[in-house]
N, C-alpha and C. Protein backbone atom coordinates (compact mmCIF):
# COMPACT_ATOMS: atom_id res chain seq x y z
N MET A 1 -34.14 -43.22 6.72
CA MET A 1 -33.69 -42.45 5.47
C MET A 1 -34.95 -42.12 4.76
N ASN A 2 -34.99 -40.87 4.23
CA ASN A 2 -35.93 -40.22 3.50
C ASN A 2 -35.95 -40.73 1.99
N SER A 3 -37.06 -41.54 1.47
CA SER A 3 -37.02 -41.94 0.17
C SER A 3 -37.45 -40.99 -0.77
N GLN A 4 -38.09 -40.03 -0.43
CA GLN A 4 -38.66 -38.85 -1.29
C GLN A 4 -37.59 -37.99 -1.69
N PRO A 5 -37.69 -37.63 -3.02
CA PRO A 5 -36.72 -36.56 -3.44
C PRO A 5 -37.00 -35.27 -2.72
N GLU A 6 -35.88 -34.61 -2.75
CA GLU A 6 -35.92 -33.11 -2.22
C GLU A 6 -36.76 -32.19 -3.17
N LYS A 7 -37.61 -31.34 -2.71
CA LYS A 7 -38.51 -30.44 -3.54
C LYS A 7 -37.54 -29.34 -3.99
N ILE A 8 -37.56 -28.99 -5.32
CA ILE A 8 -36.82 -27.98 -5.86
C ILE A 8 -37.67 -27.03 -6.28
N ILE A 9 -37.45 -25.77 -5.92
CA ILE A 9 -38.27 -24.57 -6.34
C ILE A 9 -37.47 -23.88 -7.39
N GLU A 10 -38.01 -23.63 -8.53
CA GLU A 10 -37.32 -22.95 -9.65
C GLU A 10 -37.37 -21.43 -9.36
N SER A 11 -36.18 -20.83 -9.34
CA SER A 11 -35.89 -19.45 -8.94
C SER A 11 -35.10 -18.79 -9.88
N ILE A 12 -35.08 -17.35 -9.83
CA ILE A 12 -34.05 -16.64 -10.63
C ILE A 12 -33.22 -16.01 -9.52
N VAL A 13 -31.97 -16.40 -9.69
CA VAL A 13 -30.93 -15.87 -8.74
C VAL A 13 -30.24 -14.65 -9.37
N VAL A 14 -30.27 -13.50 -8.70
CA VAL A 14 -29.65 -12.42 -9.11
C VAL A 14 -28.52 -12.05 -8.36
N THR A 15 -27.23 -12.08 -8.81
CA THR A 15 -25.97 -11.92 -8.09
C THR A 15 -25.42 -10.59 -8.60
N GLN A 16 -24.41 -10.20 -8.02
CA GLN A 16 -23.69 -8.86 -8.37
C GLN A 16 -22.33 -9.23 -8.87
N ASN A 17 -22.07 -8.76 -10.03
CA ASN A 17 -20.71 -8.94 -10.72
C ASN A 17 -19.71 -7.87 -9.99
N PRO A 18 -18.48 -8.11 -10.18
CA PRO A 18 -17.48 -7.35 -9.57
C PRO A 18 -17.50 -5.99 -9.95
N ASP A 19 -18.10 -5.50 -11.00
CA ASP A 19 -18.32 -4.23 -11.42
C ASP A 19 -19.55 -3.62 -11.03
N GLY A 20 -20.47 -4.37 -10.18
CA GLY A 20 -21.62 -3.95 -9.51
C GLY A 20 -22.87 -4.13 -10.33
N THR A 21 -22.69 -4.61 -11.73
CA THR A 21 -23.81 -4.96 -12.51
C THR A 21 -24.47 -6.27 -12.02
N PRO A 22 -25.89 -6.54 -12.38
CA PRO A 22 -26.54 -7.72 -11.93
C PRO A 22 -26.14 -8.87 -12.87
N HIS A 23 -26.24 -10.09 -12.46
CA HIS A 23 -26.13 -11.27 -13.30
C HIS A 23 -27.34 -12.01 -12.93
N ILE A 24 -27.95 -12.41 -13.94
CA ILE A 24 -29.25 -13.15 -13.81
C ILE A 24 -29.15 -14.65 -14.20
N ALA A 25 -29.49 -15.57 -13.37
CA ALA A 25 -29.50 -16.96 -13.82
C ALA A 25 -30.60 -17.79 -13.17
N PRO A 26 -31.18 -18.79 -13.93
CA PRO A 26 -32.09 -19.67 -13.21
C PRO A 26 -31.53 -20.71 -12.30
N PHE A 27 -31.97 -21.00 -11.30
CA PHE A 27 -31.42 -22.14 -10.42
C PHE A 27 -32.61 -22.80 -9.77
N GLY A 28 -32.41 -24.16 -9.54
CA GLY A 28 -33.33 -24.87 -8.67
C GLY A 28 -32.79 -24.74 -7.35
N LEU A 29 -33.72 -24.24 -6.41
CA LEU A 29 -33.37 -23.98 -4.91
C LEU A 29 -34.16 -24.91 -4.05
N ARG A 30 -33.28 -25.31 -3.04
CA ARG A 30 -33.88 -26.41 -2.23
C ARG A 30 -33.92 -25.82 -0.75
N GLN A 31 -34.61 -26.40 0.09
CA GLN A 31 -34.60 -26.21 1.63
C GLN A 31 -34.04 -27.32 2.21
N ARG A 32 -33.00 -27.07 3.20
CA ARG A 32 -32.51 -28.08 3.92
C ARG A 32 -32.13 -27.59 5.34
N ASN A 33 -32.55 -28.18 6.41
CA ASN A 33 -32.15 -27.79 7.67
C ASN A 33 -32.48 -26.40 8.09
N GLY A 34 -33.40 -25.77 7.57
CA GLY A 34 -33.69 -24.36 7.72
C GLY A 34 -33.04 -23.40 6.90
N LEU A 35 -32.26 -23.98 5.97
CA LEU A 35 -31.52 -23.05 5.08
C LEU A 35 -31.81 -23.29 3.66
N LEU A 36 -31.39 -22.37 2.77
CA LEU A 36 -31.63 -22.45 1.40
C LEU A 36 -30.44 -22.93 0.75
N LEU A 37 -30.55 -23.88 -0.20
CA LEU A 37 -29.35 -24.42 -0.84
C LEU A 37 -29.31 -24.37 -2.29
N LEU A 38 -28.21 -23.87 -2.82
CA LEU A 38 -28.00 -23.87 -4.09
C LEU A 38 -26.83 -24.70 -4.45
N ALA A 39 -26.67 -25.44 -5.65
CA ALA A 39 -25.65 -26.26 -5.99
C ALA A 39 -25.17 -26.04 -7.45
N PRO A 40 -24.53 -24.94 -7.74
CA PRO A 40 -24.14 -24.70 -9.20
C PRO A 40 -22.97 -25.50 -9.58
N PHE A 41 -23.01 -25.84 -10.84
CA PHE A 41 -21.94 -26.43 -11.55
C PHE A 41 -20.74 -25.63 -11.72
N ARG A 42 -19.44 -26.04 -11.58
CA ARG A 42 -18.48 -25.30 -11.92
C ARG A 42 -18.00 -25.61 -13.50
N PRO A 43 -17.55 -24.55 -14.15
CA PRO A 43 -17.23 -23.12 -13.80
C PRO A 43 -18.59 -22.36 -13.94
N SER A 44 -18.82 -21.31 -13.16
CA SER A 44 -20.01 -20.42 -13.28
C SER A 44 -19.84 -19.03 -12.82
N THR A 45 -20.34 -18.06 -13.58
CA THR A 45 -20.26 -16.76 -13.09
C THR A 45 -21.11 -16.56 -11.86
N SER A 46 -22.17 -17.28 -11.77
CA SER A 46 -23.13 -17.08 -10.51
C SER A 46 -22.32 -17.73 -9.32
N LEU A 47 -21.68 -18.78 -9.45
CA LEU A 47 -20.85 -19.42 -8.46
C LEU A 47 -19.86 -18.33 -7.90
N ASP A 48 -19.08 -17.88 -8.77
CA ASP A 48 -18.02 -16.90 -8.39
C ASP A 48 -18.71 -15.70 -7.68
N ASN A 49 -19.73 -15.11 -8.14
CA ASN A 49 -20.49 -14.01 -7.41
C ASN A 49 -21.01 -14.43 -6.16
N LEU A 50 -21.68 -15.60 -6.03
CA LEU A 50 -22.18 -16.12 -4.75
C LEU A 50 -21.11 -16.18 -3.77
N LEU A 51 -20.02 -16.76 -4.10
CA LEU A 51 -18.79 -16.98 -3.12
C LEU A 51 -18.25 -15.54 -2.72
N SER A 52 -18.44 -14.63 -3.57
CA SER A 52 -17.68 -13.22 -3.27
C SER A 52 -18.25 -12.51 -1.99
N GLY A 53 -19.37 -12.89 -1.48
CA GLY A 53 -20.00 -12.18 -0.31
C GLY A 53 -20.70 -10.88 -0.70
N ARG A 54 -20.78 -10.67 -2.01
CA ARG A 54 -21.64 -9.44 -2.41
C ARG A 54 -23.18 -9.91 -2.35
N GLN A 55 -23.92 -8.96 -2.42
CA GLN A 55 -25.43 -9.11 -2.24
C GLN A 55 -26.04 -10.10 -3.32
N VAL A 56 -27.00 -10.83 -2.83
CA VAL A 56 -27.75 -11.91 -3.80
C VAL A 56 -29.16 -11.83 -3.37
N SER A 57 -29.98 -12.14 -4.36
CA SER A 57 -31.41 -12.28 -4.18
C SER A 57 -32.08 -13.61 -4.90
N PHE A 58 -32.83 -14.25 -4.24
CA PHE A 58 -33.61 -15.27 -4.91
C PHE A 58 -34.94 -14.81 -5.21
N ASN A 59 -35.25 -14.77 -6.51
CA ASN A 59 -36.48 -14.33 -7.08
C ASN A 59 -37.47 -15.19 -7.65
N PHE A 60 -38.80 -14.98 -7.40
CA PHE A 60 -39.78 -15.88 -7.90
C PHE A 60 -40.83 -15.14 -8.81
N THR A 61 -40.93 -15.63 -10.08
CA THR A 61 -41.76 -15.00 -11.09
C THR A 61 -42.56 -16.01 -11.96
N VAL A 62 -43.57 -15.57 -12.49
CA VAL A 62 -44.35 -16.51 -13.40
C VAL A 62 -43.95 -16.03 -14.90
N ASP A 63 -43.11 -15.10 -15.22
CA ASP A 63 -42.71 -14.67 -16.46
C ASP A 63 -41.49 -15.67 -16.82
N VAL A 64 -41.93 -16.83 -17.57
CA VAL A 64 -41.05 -17.82 -17.92
C VAL A 64 -39.91 -17.30 -18.98
N ARG A 65 -40.27 -16.09 -19.53
CA ARG A 65 -39.21 -15.64 -20.49
C ARG A 65 -37.87 -15.32 -19.75
N VAL A 66 -37.95 -15.06 -18.45
CA VAL A 66 -36.79 -14.72 -17.68
C VAL A 66 -35.86 -15.99 -17.59
N PHE A 67 -36.51 -17.17 -17.39
CA PHE A 67 -35.90 -18.40 -17.22
C PHE A 67 -35.17 -18.73 -18.72
N ALA A 68 -36.07 -18.78 -19.54
CA ALA A 68 -35.63 -19.12 -20.95
C ALA A 68 -34.62 -18.06 -21.42
N GLY A 69 -34.75 -16.94 -21.23
CA GLY A 69 -33.87 -15.77 -21.67
C GLY A 69 -32.49 -16.00 -21.10
N ALA A 70 -32.47 -16.23 -19.76
CA ALA A 70 -31.10 -16.42 -19.15
C ALA A 70 -30.40 -17.57 -19.64
N LEU A 71 -31.22 -18.66 -20.21
CA LEU A 71 -30.44 -19.81 -20.60
C LEU A 71 -30.03 -19.58 -22.16
N THR A 72 -30.55 -18.61 -22.94
CA THR A 72 -30.30 -18.47 -24.19
C THR A 72 -29.74 -17.12 -24.54
N GLY A 73 -28.94 -16.52 -23.49
CA GLY A 73 -28.27 -15.44 -23.60
C GLY A 73 -28.93 -14.15 -23.51
N ARG A 74 -30.28 -14.10 -23.09
CA ARG A 74 -31.05 -12.88 -23.02
C ARG A 74 -31.18 -12.67 -21.39
N ARG A 75 -30.11 -12.13 -20.93
CA ARG A 75 -29.97 -11.76 -19.52
C ARG A 75 -30.30 -10.37 -19.09
N ASP A 76 -30.80 -9.57 -19.90
CA ASP A 76 -30.98 -8.05 -19.60
C ASP A 76 -32.39 -7.85 -19.34
N TRP A 77 -32.78 -8.20 -18.02
CA TRP A 77 -34.24 -8.16 -17.61
C TRP A 77 -34.21 -6.83 -16.70
N PRO A 78 -35.23 -6.24 -16.50
CA PRO A 78 -35.43 -5.02 -15.67
C PRO A 78 -35.07 -5.51 -14.12
N VAL A 79 -34.19 -4.85 -13.43
CA VAL A 79 -33.88 -4.98 -12.11
C VAL A 79 -33.86 -3.76 -11.36
N ILE A 80 -34.27 -3.77 -10.03
CA ILE A 80 -34.27 -2.64 -9.14
C ILE A 80 -33.34 -3.05 -7.94
N LYS A 81 -33.01 -1.98 -7.15
CA LYS A 81 -32.29 -2.35 -5.87
C LYS A 81 -33.22 -2.59 -4.78
N SER A 82 -33.15 -3.40 -3.89
CA SER A 82 -33.86 -3.68 -2.66
C SER A 82 -33.43 -2.79 -1.64
N LEU A 83 -34.13 -2.66 -0.52
CA LEU A 83 -33.83 -1.97 0.62
C LEU A 83 -32.55 -2.32 1.24
N LEU A 84 -32.19 -3.65 1.18
CA LEU A 84 -30.77 -4.08 1.72
C LEU A 84 -29.81 -3.92 0.64
N GLY A 85 -30.11 -3.59 -0.53
CA GLY A 85 -29.00 -3.35 -1.53
C GLY A 85 -28.85 -4.44 -2.59
N ALA A 86 -29.72 -5.39 -2.60
CA ALA A 86 -29.49 -6.43 -3.52
C ALA A 86 -30.21 -6.17 -4.81
N TRP A 87 -29.75 -6.51 -6.03
CA TRP A 87 -30.50 -6.53 -7.24
C TRP A 87 -31.61 -7.44 -7.19
N VAL A 88 -32.91 -7.08 -7.58
CA VAL A 88 -33.98 -7.92 -7.68
C VAL A 88 -34.81 -7.75 -8.94
N LEU A 89 -35.39 -8.72 -9.31
CA LEU A 89 -36.21 -8.69 -10.49
C LEU A 89 -37.36 -7.59 -10.44
N GLU A 90 -37.51 -6.80 -11.30
CA GLU A 90 -38.70 -5.60 -11.31
C GLU A 90 -39.87 -6.49 -11.24
N ASN A 91 -40.10 -7.52 -11.99
CA ASN A 91 -41.29 -8.17 -12.10
C ASN A 91 -41.41 -9.41 -11.21
N ALA A 92 -40.60 -9.60 -10.09
CA ALA A 92 -40.68 -10.61 -9.21
C ALA A 92 -42.10 -10.63 -8.40
N LEU A 93 -42.60 -11.64 -8.29
CA LEU A 93 -43.84 -11.80 -7.33
C LEU A 93 -43.38 -11.69 -5.88
N SER A 94 -42.22 -12.22 -5.59
CA SER A 94 -41.66 -12.23 -4.24
C SER A 94 -40.13 -12.61 -4.39
N TYR A 95 -39.30 -12.01 -3.44
CA TYR A 95 -37.81 -12.43 -3.45
C TYR A 95 -37.38 -12.43 -2.09
N GLN A 96 -36.37 -13.05 -1.99
CA GLN A 96 -35.61 -13.26 -0.67
C GLN A 96 -34.19 -12.76 -0.88
N GLU A 97 -33.67 -11.79 0.09
CA GLU A 97 -32.37 -11.33 0.15
C GLU A 97 -31.69 -12.39 1.16
N VAL A 98 -30.64 -12.92 0.94
CA VAL A 98 -29.88 -13.93 1.51
C VAL A 98 -28.40 -13.74 1.88
N LYS A 99 -28.00 -14.42 2.88
CA LYS A 99 -26.58 -14.36 3.13
C LYS A 99 -25.94 -15.73 3.16
N LEU A 100 -24.68 -15.95 2.50
CA LEU A 100 -24.00 -17.30 2.48
C LEU A 100 -23.52 -17.41 3.81
N VAL A 101 -23.93 -18.84 4.48
CA VAL A 101 -23.58 -19.08 5.83
C VAL A 101 -22.62 -20.45 5.91
N ASN A 102 -22.72 -21.25 4.68
CA ASN A 102 -21.91 -22.42 4.65
C ASN A 102 -21.70 -22.91 3.21
N VAL A 103 -20.36 -23.40 3.03
CA VAL A 103 -20.05 -24.00 1.73
C VAL A 103 -19.35 -25.41 1.93
N ILE A 104 -20.07 -26.34 1.27
CA ILE A 104 -19.42 -27.64 1.24
C ILE A 104 -18.84 -27.83 -0.24
N ASP A 105 -17.55 -27.65 -0.18
CA ASP A 105 -16.79 -27.62 -1.45
C ASP A 105 -16.78 -28.84 -2.21
N ASP A 106 -16.78 -28.79 -3.59
CA ASP A 106 -16.66 -29.99 -4.51
C ASP A 106 -16.17 -29.38 -5.78
N ASP A 107 -15.29 -30.34 -6.37
CA ASP A 107 -14.71 -29.87 -7.65
C ASP A 107 -15.76 -29.73 -8.81
N VAL A 108 -16.90 -30.35 -8.85
CA VAL A 108 -17.83 -30.33 -9.72
C VAL A 108 -19.00 -29.48 -9.34
N ARG A 109 -19.58 -29.73 -8.17
CA ARG A 109 -20.82 -29.05 -7.80
C ARG A 109 -20.88 -28.87 -6.29
N PRO A 110 -20.22 -27.61 -5.87
CA PRO A 110 -20.40 -27.29 -4.47
C PRO A 110 -21.78 -26.99 -3.91
N GLU A 111 -21.98 -27.21 -2.64
CA GLU A 111 -23.27 -26.92 -2.15
C GLU A 111 -23.03 -25.55 -1.35
N LEU A 112 -23.97 -24.61 -1.69
CA LEU A 112 -23.92 -23.27 -0.87
C LEU A 112 -25.23 -23.10 -0.08
N TYR A 113 -24.97 -22.79 1.19
CA TYR A 113 -26.17 -22.75 2.13
C TYR A 113 -26.40 -21.32 2.44
N PHE A 114 -27.54 -20.78 2.45
CA PHE A 114 -27.90 -19.43 2.66
C PHE A 114 -28.94 -19.32 3.82
N GLU A 115 -28.86 -18.15 4.47
CA GLU A 115 -29.79 -17.78 5.51
C GLU A 115 -30.65 -16.60 4.93
N THR A 116 -31.98 -16.71 5.02
CA THR A 116 -32.73 -15.52 4.62
C THR A 116 -32.59 -14.29 5.51
N GLN A 117 -32.21 -13.04 4.87
CA GLN A 117 -32.15 -11.90 5.60
C GLN A 117 -33.48 -11.11 5.50
N SER A 118 -34.08 -11.14 4.40
CA SER A 118 -35.50 -10.58 4.19
C SER A 118 -36.16 -11.28 3.07
N LEU A 119 -37.60 -11.24 3.45
CA LEU A 119 -38.56 -11.93 2.41
C LEU A 119 -39.53 -10.84 2.10
N VAL A 120 -39.75 -10.54 0.74
CA VAL A 120 -40.72 -9.57 0.28
C VAL A 120 -41.66 -10.05 -0.64
N ASN A 121 -42.96 -9.96 -0.28
CA ASN A 121 -44.02 -10.37 -1.23
C ASN A 121 -44.42 -9.18 -1.89
N VAL A 122 -44.29 -9.07 -3.18
CA VAL A 122 -44.73 -7.88 -4.02
C VAL A 122 -46.10 -8.00 -4.50
N SER A 123 -46.51 -9.25 -5.04
CA SER A 123 -47.86 -9.38 -5.49
C SER A 123 -48.25 -10.85 -5.36
N PRO A 124 -49.57 -11.14 -5.45
CA PRO A 124 -50.04 -12.47 -5.17
C PRO A 124 -49.67 -13.43 -6.30
N PHE A 125 -49.37 -14.75 -6.03
CA PHE A 125 -49.06 -15.70 -6.98
C PHE A 125 -50.54 -16.36 -7.33
N MET A 126 -50.88 -16.21 -8.53
CA MET A 126 -52.16 -16.69 -8.89
C MET A 126 -52.09 -18.21 -9.61
N GLY A 127 -50.85 -18.68 -9.55
CA GLY A 127 -50.62 -20.30 -10.29
C GLY A 127 -50.05 -20.09 -11.52
N PHE A 128 -49.35 -21.29 -11.96
CA PHE A 128 -48.85 -21.42 -13.21
C PHE A 128 -49.98 -22.06 -14.15
N ASN A 129 -49.78 -21.80 -15.45
CA ASN A 129 -50.66 -22.49 -16.43
C ASN A 129 -49.64 -23.60 -16.85
N ARG A 130 -50.28 -24.66 -17.63
CA ARG A 130 -49.55 -25.80 -18.02
C ARG A 130 -48.28 -25.41 -18.88
N ALA A 131 -48.60 -24.33 -19.71
CA ALA A 131 -47.56 -24.06 -20.67
C ALA A 131 -46.37 -23.32 -19.91
N GLN A 132 -46.53 -22.57 -18.82
CA GLN A 132 -45.44 -22.19 -18.06
C GLN A 132 -44.65 -23.31 -17.43
N ALA A 133 -45.38 -24.30 -16.98
CA ALA A 133 -44.67 -25.49 -16.50
C ALA A 133 -43.97 -26.24 -17.51
N ALA A 134 -44.52 -26.22 -18.73
CA ALA A 134 -43.83 -26.94 -19.98
C ALA A 134 -42.58 -26.13 -20.23
N VAL A 135 -42.54 -24.87 -20.30
CA VAL A 135 -41.31 -23.96 -20.45
C VAL A 135 -40.37 -24.30 -19.47
N LEU A 136 -40.68 -24.35 -18.22
CA LEU A 136 -39.64 -24.66 -17.17
C LEU A 136 -39.03 -25.92 -17.43
N GLU A 137 -39.82 -26.97 -17.67
CA GLU A 137 -39.31 -28.32 -17.88
C GLU A 137 -38.27 -28.28 -19.15
N LEU A 138 -38.71 -27.54 -20.16
CA LEU A 138 -37.69 -27.44 -21.31
C LEU A 138 -36.46 -26.57 -20.90
N CYS A 139 -36.58 -25.63 -19.97
CA CYS A 139 -35.50 -24.98 -19.49
C CYS A 139 -34.41 -25.97 -18.80
N VAL A 140 -34.89 -26.86 -18.08
CA VAL A 140 -34.10 -27.93 -17.29
C VAL A 140 -33.36 -28.66 -18.45
N LEU A 141 -34.10 -29.14 -19.55
CA LEU A 141 -33.52 -29.95 -20.56
C LEU A 141 -32.44 -29.18 -21.27
N VAL A 142 -32.83 -27.84 -21.59
CA VAL A 142 -31.77 -27.03 -22.32
C VAL A 142 -30.50 -26.92 -21.52
N SER A 143 -30.78 -26.71 -20.16
CA SER A 143 -29.42 -26.54 -19.20
C SER A 143 -28.53 -27.87 -19.26
N ARG A 144 -29.14 -29.02 -19.68
CA ARG A 144 -28.55 -30.17 -19.73
C ARG A 144 -28.27 -30.70 -21.11
N LEU A 145 -28.28 -30.02 -22.16
CA LEU A 145 -28.15 -30.43 -23.60
C LEU A 145 -26.79 -31.37 -23.72
N ASN A 146 -25.80 -30.97 -23.06
CA ASN A 146 -24.61 -31.80 -23.22
C ASN A 146 -24.52 -33.10 -22.50
N ARG A 147 -25.56 -33.28 -21.67
CA ARG A 147 -25.62 -34.54 -20.88
C ARG A 147 -26.70 -35.50 -21.20
N LEU A 148 -27.55 -35.14 -22.09
CA LEU A 148 -28.76 -35.89 -22.39
C LEU A 148 -28.65 -36.22 -23.88
N SER A 149 -29.24 -37.38 -24.28
CA SER A 149 -29.30 -37.76 -25.66
C SER A 149 -30.37 -37.05 -26.42
N ILE A 150 -30.14 -36.86 -27.69
CA ILE A 150 -31.16 -36.18 -28.58
C ILE A 150 -32.48 -36.76 -28.61
N GLU A 151 -32.54 -38.12 -28.46
CA GLU A 151 -33.77 -38.98 -28.41
C GLU A 151 -34.58 -38.53 -27.25
N LYS A 152 -33.97 -38.49 -26.09
CA LYS A 152 -34.51 -38.15 -24.80
C LYS A 152 -35.19 -36.64 -24.98
N ILE A 153 -34.34 -35.80 -25.52
CA ILE A 153 -34.81 -34.36 -25.61
C ILE A 153 -35.84 -34.29 -26.40
N ASP A 154 -35.82 -34.99 -27.70
CA ASP A 154 -37.02 -34.94 -28.68
C ASP A 154 -38.26 -35.46 -28.04
N ALA A 155 -38.15 -36.62 -27.40
CA ALA A 155 -39.26 -37.29 -26.61
C ALA A 155 -39.95 -36.31 -25.72
N GLU A 156 -39.26 -35.58 -24.86
CA GLU A 156 -39.73 -34.71 -23.72
C GLU A 156 -40.35 -33.60 -24.53
N ILE A 157 -39.65 -32.92 -25.51
CA ILE A 157 -40.24 -31.88 -26.20
C ILE A 157 -41.61 -32.13 -26.81
N ASN A 158 -41.79 -33.38 -27.46
CA ASN A 158 -42.99 -33.85 -28.11
C ASN A 158 -44.01 -33.86 -27.02
N TYR A 159 -43.76 -34.30 -25.96
CA TYR A 159 -44.81 -34.41 -24.86
C TYR A 159 -45.13 -32.88 -24.33
N LEU A 160 -44.09 -32.09 -23.96
CA LEU A 160 -44.37 -30.79 -23.52
C LEU A 160 -45.12 -29.94 -24.51
N GLN A 161 -44.93 -30.14 -25.81
CA GLN A 161 -45.56 -29.31 -26.96
C GLN A 161 -47.08 -29.28 -26.70
N ILE A 162 -47.65 -30.34 -26.15
CA ILE A 162 -49.06 -30.44 -25.94
C ILE A 162 -49.59 -29.40 -25.04
N ALA A 163 -48.94 -29.14 -23.94
CA ALA A 163 -49.20 -28.04 -23.00
C ALA A 163 -48.94 -26.73 -23.73
N ILE A 164 -48.06 -26.57 -24.40
CA ILE A 164 -47.80 -25.28 -25.03
C ILE A 164 -49.04 -24.94 -26.19
N ASN A 165 -49.34 -25.98 -26.90
CA ASN A 165 -50.35 -25.83 -27.76
C ASN A 165 -51.69 -25.42 -27.29
N LYS A 166 -51.88 -26.03 -26.00
CA LYS A 166 -53.36 -25.92 -25.39
C LYS A 166 -53.37 -24.67 -24.58
N THR A 167 -52.24 -24.24 -23.91
CA THR A 167 -52.39 -23.27 -22.86
C THR A 167 -51.51 -21.99 -22.96
N ALA A 168 -50.65 -21.92 -23.95
CA ALA A 168 -49.63 -20.96 -24.01
C ALA A 168 -50.14 -19.55 -24.36
N GLY A 169 -49.59 -18.55 -23.54
CA GLY A 169 -49.97 -17.23 -24.15
C GLY A 169 -48.67 -16.67 -24.91
N GLU A 170 -48.76 -15.31 -24.99
CA GLU A 170 -47.67 -14.71 -25.81
C GLU A 170 -46.18 -15.01 -25.23
N HIS A 171 -46.13 -14.80 -23.88
CA HIS A 171 -44.94 -15.01 -23.16
C HIS A 171 -44.44 -16.32 -23.32
N GLU A 172 -45.31 -17.35 -23.10
CA GLU A 172 -44.84 -18.77 -23.15
C GLU A 172 -44.37 -19.10 -24.67
N PHE A 173 -45.08 -18.64 -25.62
CA PHE A 173 -44.71 -19.04 -27.02
C PHE A 173 -43.44 -18.35 -27.16
N GLU A 174 -43.09 -17.21 -26.65
CA GLU A 174 -41.88 -16.48 -26.97
C GLU A 174 -40.71 -17.23 -26.33
N ALA A 175 -40.93 -17.68 -25.05
CA ALA A 175 -39.81 -18.27 -24.32
C ALA A 175 -39.53 -19.79 -25.02
N TRP A 176 -40.63 -20.30 -25.28
CA TRP A 176 -40.62 -21.78 -25.99
C TRP A 176 -39.76 -21.63 -27.34
N GLY A 177 -40.06 -20.57 -28.09
CA GLY A 177 -39.33 -20.42 -29.27
C GLY A 177 -37.69 -20.29 -29.04
N TRP A 178 -37.40 -19.43 -28.05
CA TRP A 178 -35.93 -19.27 -27.67
C TRP A 178 -35.41 -20.64 -27.32
N LEU A 179 -35.94 -21.40 -26.63
CA LEU A 179 -35.39 -22.76 -26.23
C LEU A 179 -35.45 -23.62 -27.27
N ILE A 180 -36.42 -23.72 -28.09
CA ILE A 180 -36.36 -24.58 -29.35
C ILE A 180 -35.26 -24.26 -30.21
N ASP A 181 -35.06 -22.99 -30.44
CA ASP A 181 -33.83 -22.62 -31.15
C ASP A 181 -32.43 -23.01 -30.72
N ALA A 182 -32.38 -22.98 -29.35
CA ALA A 182 -31.17 -23.62 -28.60
C ALA A 182 -30.98 -25.02 -28.90
N VAL A 183 -32.13 -25.73 -28.90
CA VAL A 183 -31.94 -27.29 -29.07
C VAL A 183 -31.66 -27.49 -30.47
N GLU A 184 -32.35 -26.71 -31.44
CA GLU A 184 -31.93 -26.92 -32.92
C GLU A 184 -30.41 -26.64 -33.11
N ASN A 185 -29.94 -25.49 -32.60
CA ASN A 185 -28.66 -25.26 -32.58
C ASN A 185 -27.69 -26.30 -32.05
N HIS A 186 -28.08 -26.87 -30.94
CA HIS A 186 -27.31 -27.86 -30.48
C HIS A 186 -27.26 -29.05 -31.42
N LYS A 187 -28.45 -29.38 -31.94
CA LYS A 187 -28.43 -30.55 -32.94
C LYS A 187 -27.53 -30.19 -34.11
N ALA A 188 -27.77 -28.97 -34.72
CA ALA A 188 -26.79 -28.69 -35.89
C ALA A 188 -25.27 -28.76 -35.45
N THR A 189 -24.89 -28.34 -34.28
CA THR A 189 -23.55 -28.38 -33.83
C THR A 189 -23.11 -29.82 -33.75
N LEU A 190 -23.85 -30.72 -33.34
CA LEU A 190 -23.57 -32.17 -33.30
C LEU A 190 -23.42 -32.63 -34.63
N GLN A 191 -24.14 -32.08 -35.61
CA GLN A 191 -24.03 -32.60 -37.01
C GLN A 191 -22.98 -31.84 -37.67
N GLY A 192 -22.45 -31.02 -37.15
CA GLY A 192 -21.20 -30.15 -37.84
C GLY A 192 -21.44 -28.94 -38.54
N HIS A 193 -22.69 -28.39 -38.32
CA HIS A 193 -23.06 -27.10 -38.82
C HIS A 193 -23.96 -26.36 -38.03
N HIS A 194 -23.96 -25.02 -37.95
CA HIS A 194 -24.52 -24.12 -37.03
C HIS A 194 -25.76 -23.51 -37.92
N VAL A 195 -26.77 -23.51 -37.03
CA VAL A 195 -28.15 -22.86 -37.64
C VAL A 195 -28.08 -21.44 -37.04
N ALA A 196 -28.38 -20.52 -38.02
CA ALA A 196 -28.22 -18.99 -37.85
C ALA A 196 -29.52 -18.58 -37.03
């Protein structure tokens, strides 16, 4: 038995809505038995779109605003059509167009397995700075606000803030601000009032 956790790659999944428009959402992507695995929680627009058989792409970008934006209601990012017809992020460093080949159904979190149809490298990956990694970690926390204690969230934010203060650029500060606003709104909702 493998005691190591599975490696999860943070990606932007672009699916196609029934009306043909793109739907952008961040997902942790795993590789298992030569296939790519997504496990979205129900209910989910992305899940509905993924199960539809319409085109989908897995995108990789260092612009952490796309991750933070998708979690905070800012899903309108520039996209283009790929050669195979999937929507892809205009600023993706690379992307994969994939085909759904297997579903292990579950009432809470089904597992969807995909086969790569094409892999396109647009520009080289020069690495993440620490602030980008901190924003991605805060994205994970924000996606789980209803499942984590405020104390845990605050402790994580205090630690991640160090990397933001030391290495963030304009994009990282902007993304961080959106996520902090989401956390503050969540806290206010728990206390019975909403922050504008």
